Protein backbone atom coordinates (compact mmCIF):
# COMPACT_ATOMS: atom_id res chain seq x y z
CA UNK A 1 27.10 31.45 -30.11
CA UNK A 2 25.51 32.84 -27.33
CA UNK A 3 22.05 30.61 -27.57
CA UNK A 4 24.42 27.65 -27.68
CA UNK A 5 26.73 28.64 -24.47
CA UNK A 6 23.46 28.92 -22.76
CA UNK A 7 21.82 25.89 -23.80
CA UNK A 8 24.78 24.23 -22.63
CA UNK A 9 25.13 25.83 -19.89
CA UNK A 10 21.81 24.82 -18.77
CA UNK A 11 21.76 21.42 -19.47
CA UNK A 12 25.22 20.75 -17.94
CA UNK A 13 24.12 22.57 -14.70
CA UNK A 14 24.62 20.45 -11.72
CA UNK A 15 20.58 19.55 -10.26
CA UNK A 16 19.85 19.93 -6.82
CA UNK A 17 19.78 16.77 -5.27
CA UNK A 18 16.15 15.47 -3.60
CA UNK A 19 16.39 15.43 0.03
CA UNK A 20 14.99 11.70 1.94
CA UNK A 21 11.22 12.48 1.97
CA UNK A 22 9.02 10.43 4.43
CA UNK A 23 5.59 10.22 4.72
CA UNK A 24 2.65 8.77 7.03
CA UNK A 25 -0.65 8.05 6.21
CA UNK A 26 -4.11 5.42 6.79
CA UNK A 27 -5.93 3.57 4.58
CA UNK A 28 -9.35 1.90 4.18
CA UNK A 29 -10.44 -0.83 2.43
CA UNK A 30 -13.55 -1.92 0.91
CA UNK A 31 -15.66 -3.84 3.64
CA UNK A 32 -16.27 -6.92 4.43
CA UNK A 33 -16.33 -9.65 6.98
CA UNK A 34 -14.09 -11.72 9.53
CA UNK A 35 -11.58 -8.35 10.34
CA UNK A 36 -11.16 -4.59 10.13
CA UNK A 37 -13.03 -1.59 12.31
CA UNK A 38 -17.07 -2.55 12.69
CA UNK A 39 -19.15 0.02 10.89
CA UNK A 40 -22.85 -0.36 10.79
CA UNK A 41 -22.83 -4.11 10.75
CA UNK A 42 -19.62 -4.93 8.53
CA UNK A 43 -15.72 -4.79 8.93
CA UNK A 44 -13.96 -1.65 6.74
CA UNK A 45 -9.66 -2.94 6.58
CA UNK A 46 -7.40 -0.52 7.68
CA UNK A 47 -4.00 0.36 7.97
CA UNK A 48 -1.59 2.73 8.92
CA UNK A 49 1.03 3.35 6.24
CA UNK A 50 4.31 5.06 5.55
CA UNK A 51 6.49 5.86 2.20
CA UNK A 52 9.82 6.85 2.42
CA UNK A 53 11.89 7.71 -0.77
CA UNK A 54 15.53 8.73 -1.32
CA UNK A 55 17.23 9.80 -3.85
CA UNK A 56 19.01 6.90 -6.25
CA UNK A 57 16.88 4.16 -4.51
CA UNK A 58 13.82 2.45 -4.63
CA UNK A 59 10.64 4.51 -3.04
CA UNK A 60 9.78 1.83 -0.15
CA UNK A 61 5.55 2.07 0.81
CA UNK A 62 4.24 -0.29 3.10
CA UNK A 63 1.94 -0.62 6.12
CA UNK A 64 0.62 -2.47 9.12
CA UNK A 65 -3.16 -3.32 9.54
CA UNK A 66 -5.53 -5.48 8.12
CA UNK A 67 -5.32 -4.57 4.21
CA UNK A 68 -8.28 -7.38 3.37
CA UNK A 69 -11.52 -7.82 5.73
CA UNK A 70 -10.77 -10.86 7.04
CA UNK A 71 -7.22 -11.64 7.27
CA UNK A 72 -5.42 -10.94 10.42
CA UNK A 73 -3.23 -8.10 12.07
CA UNK A 74 -0.61 -8.17 8.51
CA UNK A 75 2.59 -6.25 7.66
CA UNK A 76 3.65 -5.21 3.97
CA UNK A 77 5.80 -3.55 2.12
CA UNK A 78 6.29 -2.71 -1.30
CA UNK A 79 8.73 -1.41 -3.96
CA UNK A 80 6.55 1.58 -5.50
CA UNK A 81 6.65 2.48 -9.45
CA UNK A 82 5.24 5.59 -10.52
CA UNK A 83 4.51 6.79 -13.83
CA UNK A 84 3.11 10.48 -14.40
CA UNK A 85 0.43 11.43 -16.01
CA UNK A 86 -0.60 14.93 -15.22
CA UNK A 87 1.72 17.69 -12.89
CA UNK A 88 0.21 16.06 -10.06
CA UNK A 89 -1.54 13.00 -10.74
CA UNK A 90 0.64 10.00 -11.64
CA UNK A 91 -0.16 6.38 -11.40
CA UNK A 92 1.52 3.56 -9.21
CA UNK A 93 2.06 0.24 -8.95
CA UNK A 94 3.57 -1.33 -5.60
CA UNK A 95 4.87 -4.83 -5.94
CA UNK A 96 5.91 -6.17 -2.61
CA UNK A 97 5.42 -8.61 0.15
CA UNK A 98 2.68 -8.76 2.98
CA UNK A 99 3.37 -10.98 6.17
CA UNK A 100 0.99 -11.73 9.00
CA UNK A 101 -1.51 -13.82 10.53
CA UNK A 102 -4.19 -15.78 7.69
CA UNK A 103 -7.41 -14.65 10.12
CA UNK A 104 -10.95 -15.97 10.38
CA UNK A 105 -11.68 -15.13 6.65
CA UNK A 106 -9.61 -18.27 5.55
CA UNK A 107 -11.67 -20.39 7.80
CA UNK A 108 -14.92 -19.40 6.03
CA UNK A 109 -14.10 -19.90 2.87
CA UNK A 110 -12.32 -22.95 3.51
CA UNK A 111 -14.56 -25.06 6.14
CA UNK A 112 -18.07 -22.65 6.01
CA UNK A 113 -16.47 -21.90 9.95
CA UNK A 114 -16.30 -18.81 12.01
CA UNK A 115 -13.26 -19.48 14.16
CA UNK A 116 -13.44 -16.20 16.03
CA UNK A 117 -11.92 -13.04 16.48
CA UNK A 118 -8.83 -14.05 17.80
CA UNK A 119 -8.18 -15.26 14.57
CA UNK A 120 -7.17 -11.79 13.98
CA UNK A 121 -4.19 -11.92 16.51
CA UNK A 122 -3.54 -15.53 16.49
CA UNK A 123 -3.32 -18.45 14.05
CA UNK A 124 -1.42 -19.89 11.28
CA UNK A 125 1.33 -17.33 9.80
CA UNK A 126 1.06 -16.33 5.97
CA UNK A 127 2.74 -14.98 3.40
CA UNK A 128 1.65 -13.47 0.62
CA UNK A 129 2.85 -11.88 -2.45
CA UNK A 130 0.53 -8.88 -3.19
CA UNK A 131 0.43 -6.07 -6.32
CA UNK A 132 -1.16 -2.92 -5.72
CA UNK A 133 -2.12 -0.65 -8.97
CA UNK A 134 -3.47 3.02 -8.59
CA UNK A 135 -3.86 6.41 -8.73
CA UNK A 136 -2.24 9.08 -6.35
CA UNK A 137 -2.59 12.81 -6.53
CA UNK A 138 -0.75 15.47 -5.03
CA UNK A 139 -2.59 18.33 -2.58
CA UNK A 140 0.40 20.69 -1.24
CA UNK A 141 1.99 17.93 1.73
CA UNK A 142 -1.01 15.77 1.21
CA UNK A 143 -1.04 12.51 -1.61
CA UNK A 144 -4.77 11.18 -1.65
CA UNK A 145 -4.34 7.72 -3.42
CA UNK A 146 -6.89 4.92 -4.42
CA UNK A 147 -5.38 1.30 -5.40
CA UNK A 148 -7.23 -2.20 -6.39
CA UNK A 149 -4.86 -5.31 -5.97
CA UNK A 150 -4.35 -8.89 -5.71
CA UNK A 151 -2.30 -11.00 -3.50
CA UNK A 152 -1.60 -14.66 -2.99
CA UNK A 153 -1.47 -15.74 0.64
CA UNK A 154 0.72 -19.54 -0.03
CA UNK A 155 0.26 -20.42 3.53
CA UNK A 156 -1.67 -22.91 5.45
CA UNK A 157 -3.29 -23.46 1.37
CA UNK A 158 -2.80 -20.76 -1.50
CA UNK A 159 -6.07 -19.00 -2.47
CA UNK A 160 -6.22 -15.36 -4.56
CA UNK A 161 -7.55 -11.92 -2.53
CA UNK A 162 -7.99 -8.77 -3.78
CA UNK A 163 -9.46 -5.39 -2.34
CA UNK A 164 -9.92 -1.67 -3.14
CA UNK A 165 -8.50 0.69 -0.72
CA UNK A 166 -8.77 4.45 -0.95
CA UNK A 167 -6.32 6.26 1.68
CA UNK A 168 -4.41 9.51 2.29
CA UNK A 169 -0.26 10.32 3.27
CA UNK A 170 0.89 13.47 4.67
CA UNK A 171 4.62 13.96 4.11
CA UNK A 172 6.28 14.65 7.39
CA UNK A 173 9.82 15.41 6.67
């Protein structure tokens, strides 16, 4: 009877509330042409990241930068889903949207004309549903992750873009 009472006390004990967590980080994508950080004759897509987690709410993950070489400055946001594979390793999916400038890569792919770097910060606007899939490993207060993603910019013409990125996020609070 003692064991049943102890088991009931453990099962019925209130769980401590999970505090809100906020993390900041950075990511680098696979090299290409058109936009991103210039490194050894190619451009490296980059992003400044934020992740917010609150109990009973979807985890929001987003960023600002150029997620794919060839697109202009953009912002993206998604609801992160996780499946824990080991104590500190999880598989992730973050369906969401990217919105920003189409960038010089669009014109290079469609008309074989490089329109110039001003299309990184000016030019037509687009909205793109996106789906990053990846793996994340927690190391203390930081998290290292790798993702592959597909997105479909809808304007000026639909086209499938794929990419990959590596990044790190550090929990601030």
